[in-house]
Structures are given as structure tokens and as C-alpha cells.
Amino acid sequence: MQWGGPEEQVHKYAAGNPNAVDWHDEALKVVENTMEEYSKHSSPPATISPIPSYMDSGAPTGTVDSDYDCHHRMLVDQASREHNAGWCAEL
């Protein structure tokens, strides 16, 4: 462990520091509490709608974007209109 684990806390306490802290445990608690709060306030991912028929027609659209690019752009646009969409739309 790089810093402040339980062993270091015991050594510092034995050396006379009554305020020794297990910093690894403290950091872990902060991360766990943050993730709990995040999960309470975030909504589940939006359902992915099927590709619109105009994108699936096979007719040239006049752009060089691939089907994936068009679909990705549609998902990002859709997510930007929804609240709490988060970064999941980028995936």
C-alpha cells in the first residue's frame, strides 16, 4: 500500500500520535459514500430507441458518416435532451 494503511496507523499510534488515521480506509469510505449518493440521484439509462427508418433505408444521405456515426449522433442528441443522461450516452 502506498500510503496510510492500517499498519502505518498502528505504528504512528504507538509512536505517540493519538490522532493517527488509516487514510486508505478513509479514502475508501469517501469513494463508497460518493457512489451511493450518485446512484441515488441518477436515473437508469434511457432505453435505446431503434434506428429511425430514414437512416435504415439504404439510400445515400449525402454525407460520409457511417451508420454507426449517425446512430451515435442520434443517441447523444437524444441524451442531451434528457436530464441526468450523464456520460453513458458517449459509450
C-alpha atoms as a PDB file:
ATOM      1  CA  MET A   1       0.000   0.000   0.000  1.00  0.00           C
ATOM      2  CA  GLN A   2       1.412   3.375  -0.991  1.00  0.00           C
ATOM      3  CA  TRP A   3       0.111   5.476   1.868  1.00  0.00           C
ATOM      4  CA  GLY A   4      -1.611   5.415   5.222  1.00  0.00           C
ATOM      5  CA  GLY A   5      -2.827   1.856   5.652  1.00  0.00           C
ATOM      6  CA  PRO A   6      -3.765   0.159   8.924  1.00  0.00           C
ATOM      7  CA  GLU A   7      -0.154  -0.822   9.653  1.00  0.00           C
ATOM      8  CA  GLU A   8       1.022   2.769   9.386  1.00  0.00           C
ATOM      9  CA  GLN A   9      -1.830   3.864  11.656  1.00  0.00           C
ATOM     10  CA  VAL A  10      -0.725   1.349  14.327  1.00  0.00           C
ATOM     11  CA  HIS A  11       2.916   2.488  14.075  1.00  0.00           C
ATOM     12  CA  LYS A  12       2.000   6.174  14.359  1.00  0.00           C
ATOM     13  CA  TYR A  13      -0.337   5.497  17.268  1.00  0.00           C
ATOM     14  CA  ALA A  14       2.417   3.503  19.029  1.00  0.00           C
ATOM     15  CA  ALA A  15       4.811   6.394  18.364  1.00  0.00           C
ATOM     16  CA  GLY A  16       2.548   8.684  20.345  1.00  0.00           C
ATOM     17  CA  ASN A  17       0.195  10.129  17.738  1.00  0.00           C
ATOM     18  CA  PRO A  18      -3.325   9.626  19.180  1.00  0.00           C
ATOM     19  CA  ASN A  19      -4.829  11.125  16.003  1.00  0.00           C
ATOM     20  CA  ALA A  20      -3.320   8.609  13.583  1.00  0.00           C
ATOM     21  CA  VAL A  21      -5.646   7.831  10.679  1.00  0.00           C
ATOM     22  CA  ASP A  22      -5.939   4.884   8.298  1.00  0.00           C
ATOM     23  CA  TRP A  23      -6.018   7.064   5.183  1.00  0.00           C
ATOM     24  CA  HIS A  24      -6.650   4.136   2.874  1.00  0.00           C
ATOM     25  CA  ASP A  25      -9.821   3.283   4.807  1.00  0.00           C
ATOM     26  CA  GLU A  26     -10.869   6.947   4.862  1.00  0.00           C
ATOM     27  CA  ALA A  27     -10.437   7.247   1.087  1.00  0.00           C
ATOM     28  CA  LEU A  28     -12.378   4.029   0.536  1.00  0.00           C
ATOM     29  CA  LYS A  29     -15.255   5.332   2.665  1.00  0.00           C
ATOM     30  CA  VAL A  30     -15.350   8.597   0.693  1.00  0.00           C
ATOM     31  CA  VAL A  31     -15.494   6.743  -2.632  1.00  0.00           C
ATOM     32  CA  GLU A  32     -18.187   4.330  -1.403  1.00  0.00           C
ATOM     33  CA  ASN A  33     -20.336   7.156   0.014  1.00  0.00           C
ATOM     34  CA  THR A  34     -19.920   9.202  -3.162  1.00  0.00           C
ATOM     35  CA  MET A  35     -21.002   6.284  -5.331  1.00  0.00           C
ATOM     36  CA  GLU A  36     -24.015   5.615  -3.090  1.00  0.00           C
ATOM     37  CA  GLU A  37     -25.100   9.242  -3.391  1.00  0.00           C
ATOM     38  CA  TYR A  38     -24.530   9.199  -7.143  1.00  0.00           C
ATOM     39  CA  SER A  39     -26.606   6.061  -7.584  1.00  0.00           C
ATOM     40  CA  LYS A  40     -29.444   7.539  -5.504  1.00  0.00           C
ATOM     41  CA  HIS A  41     -29.671  10.647  -7.680  1.00  0.00           C
ATOM     42  CA  SER A  42     -29.009   9.204 -11.107  1.00  0.00           C
ATOM     43  CA  SER A  43     -31.708   7.709 -13.228  1.00  0.00           C
ATOM     44  CA  PRO A  44     -31.347   4.393 -15.008  1.00  0.00           C
ATOM     45  CA  PRO A  45     -30.001   4.594 -18.558  1.00  0.00           C
ATOM     46  CA  ALA A  46     -32.586   5.611 -21.111  1.00  0.00           C
ATOM     47  CA  THR A  47     -33.892   2.905 -23.337  1.00  0.00           C
ATOM     48  CA  ILE A  48     -32.303   2.914 -26.743  1.00  0.00           C
ATOM     49  CA  SER A  49     -34.784   3.549 -29.476  1.00  0.00           C
ATOM     50  CA  PRO A  50     -34.425   1.695 -32.760  1.00  0.00           C
ATOM     51  CA  ILE A  51     -32.691   3.354 -35.684  1.00  0.00           C
ATOM     52  CA  PRO A  52     -35.180   5.628 -37.468  1.00  0.00           C
ATOM     53  CA  SER A  53     -36.384   4.312 -40.791  1.00  0.00           C
ATOM     54  CA  TYR A  54     -34.825   7.193 -42.741  1.00  0.00           C
ATOM     55  CA  MET A  55     -31.409   6.056 -41.507  1.00  0.00           C
ATOM     56  CA  ASP A  56     -32.025   2.429 -42.390  1.00  0.00           C
ATOM     57  CA  SER A  57     -33.337   2.983 -45.915  1.00  0.00           C
ATOM     58  CA  GLY A  58     -30.027   2.295 -47.626  1.00  0.00           C
ATOM     59  CA  ALA A  59     -30.394   5.439 -49.729  1.00  0.00           C
ATOM     60  CA  PRO A  60     -27.371   7.734 -49.819  1.00  0.00           C
ATOM     61  CA  THR A  61     -27.748  10.648 -47.432  1.00  0.00           C
ATOM     62  CA  GLY A  62     -25.166  12.920 -48.990  1.00  0.00           C
ATOM     63  CA  THR A  63     -22.731  12.588 -46.061  1.00  0.00           C
ATOM     64  CA  VAL A  64     -19.722  10.407 -45.483  1.00  0.00           C
ATOM     65  CA  ASP A  65     -20.797   9.477 -41.946  1.00  0.00           C
ATOM     66  CA  SER A  66     -21.105   5.773 -41.325  1.00  0.00           C
ATOM     67  CA  ASP A  67     -24.276   4.212 -39.978  1.00  0.00           C
ATOM     68  CA  TYR A  68     -22.518   3.965 -36.619  1.00  0.00           C
ATOM     69  CA  ASP A  69     -21.685   7.692 -36.652  1.00  0.00           C
ATOM     70  CA  CYS A  70     -25.274   8.616 -37.471  1.00  0.00           C
ATOM     71  CA  HIS A  71     -26.642   6.310 -34.795  1.00  0.00           C
ATOM     72  CA  HIS A  72     -24.113   7.596 -32.238  1.00  0.00           C
ATOM     73  CA  ARG A  73     -25.006  11.212 -33.010  1.00  0.00           C
ATOM     74  CA  MET A  74     -28.701  10.395 -32.643  1.00  0.00           C
ATOM     75  CA  LEU A  75     -28.092   8.803 -29.210  1.00  0.00           C
ATOM     76  CA  VAL A  76     -26.001  11.738 -27.997  1.00  0.00           C
ATOM     77  CA  ASP A  77     -28.643  14.213 -29.230  1.00  0.00           C
ATOM     78  CA  GLN A  78     -31.366  12.182 -27.537  1.00  0.00           C
ATOM     79  CA  ALA A  79     -29.405  12.030 -24.276  1.00  0.00           C
ATOM     80  CA  SER A  80     -28.706  15.760 -24.333  1.00  0.00           C
ATOM     81  CA  ARG A  81     -32.449  16.404 -24.251  1.00  0.00           C
ATOM     82  CA  GLU A  82     -32.940  14.169 -21.192  1.00  0.00           C
ATOM     83  CA  HIS A  83     -31.980  15.126 -17.665  1.00  0.00           C
ATOM     84  CA  ASN A  84     -29.309  13.110 -15.839  1.00  0.00           C
ATOM     85  CA  ALA A  85     -28.253  11.361 -19.035  1.00  0.00           C
ATOM     86  CA  GLY A  86     -24.642  11.529 -17.875  1.00  0.00           C
ATOM     87  CA  TRP A  87     -21.700  10.308 -19.862  1.00  0.00           C
ATOM     88  CA  CYS A  88     -23.292   6.920 -20.674  1.00  0.00           C
ATOM     89  CA  ALA A  89     -24.541   8.243 -23.986  1.00  0.00           C
ATOM     90  CA  GLU A  90     -20.970   8.707 -25.137  1.00  0.00           C
ATOM     91  CA  LEU A  91     -20.386   4.983 -24.932  1.00  0.00           C
END
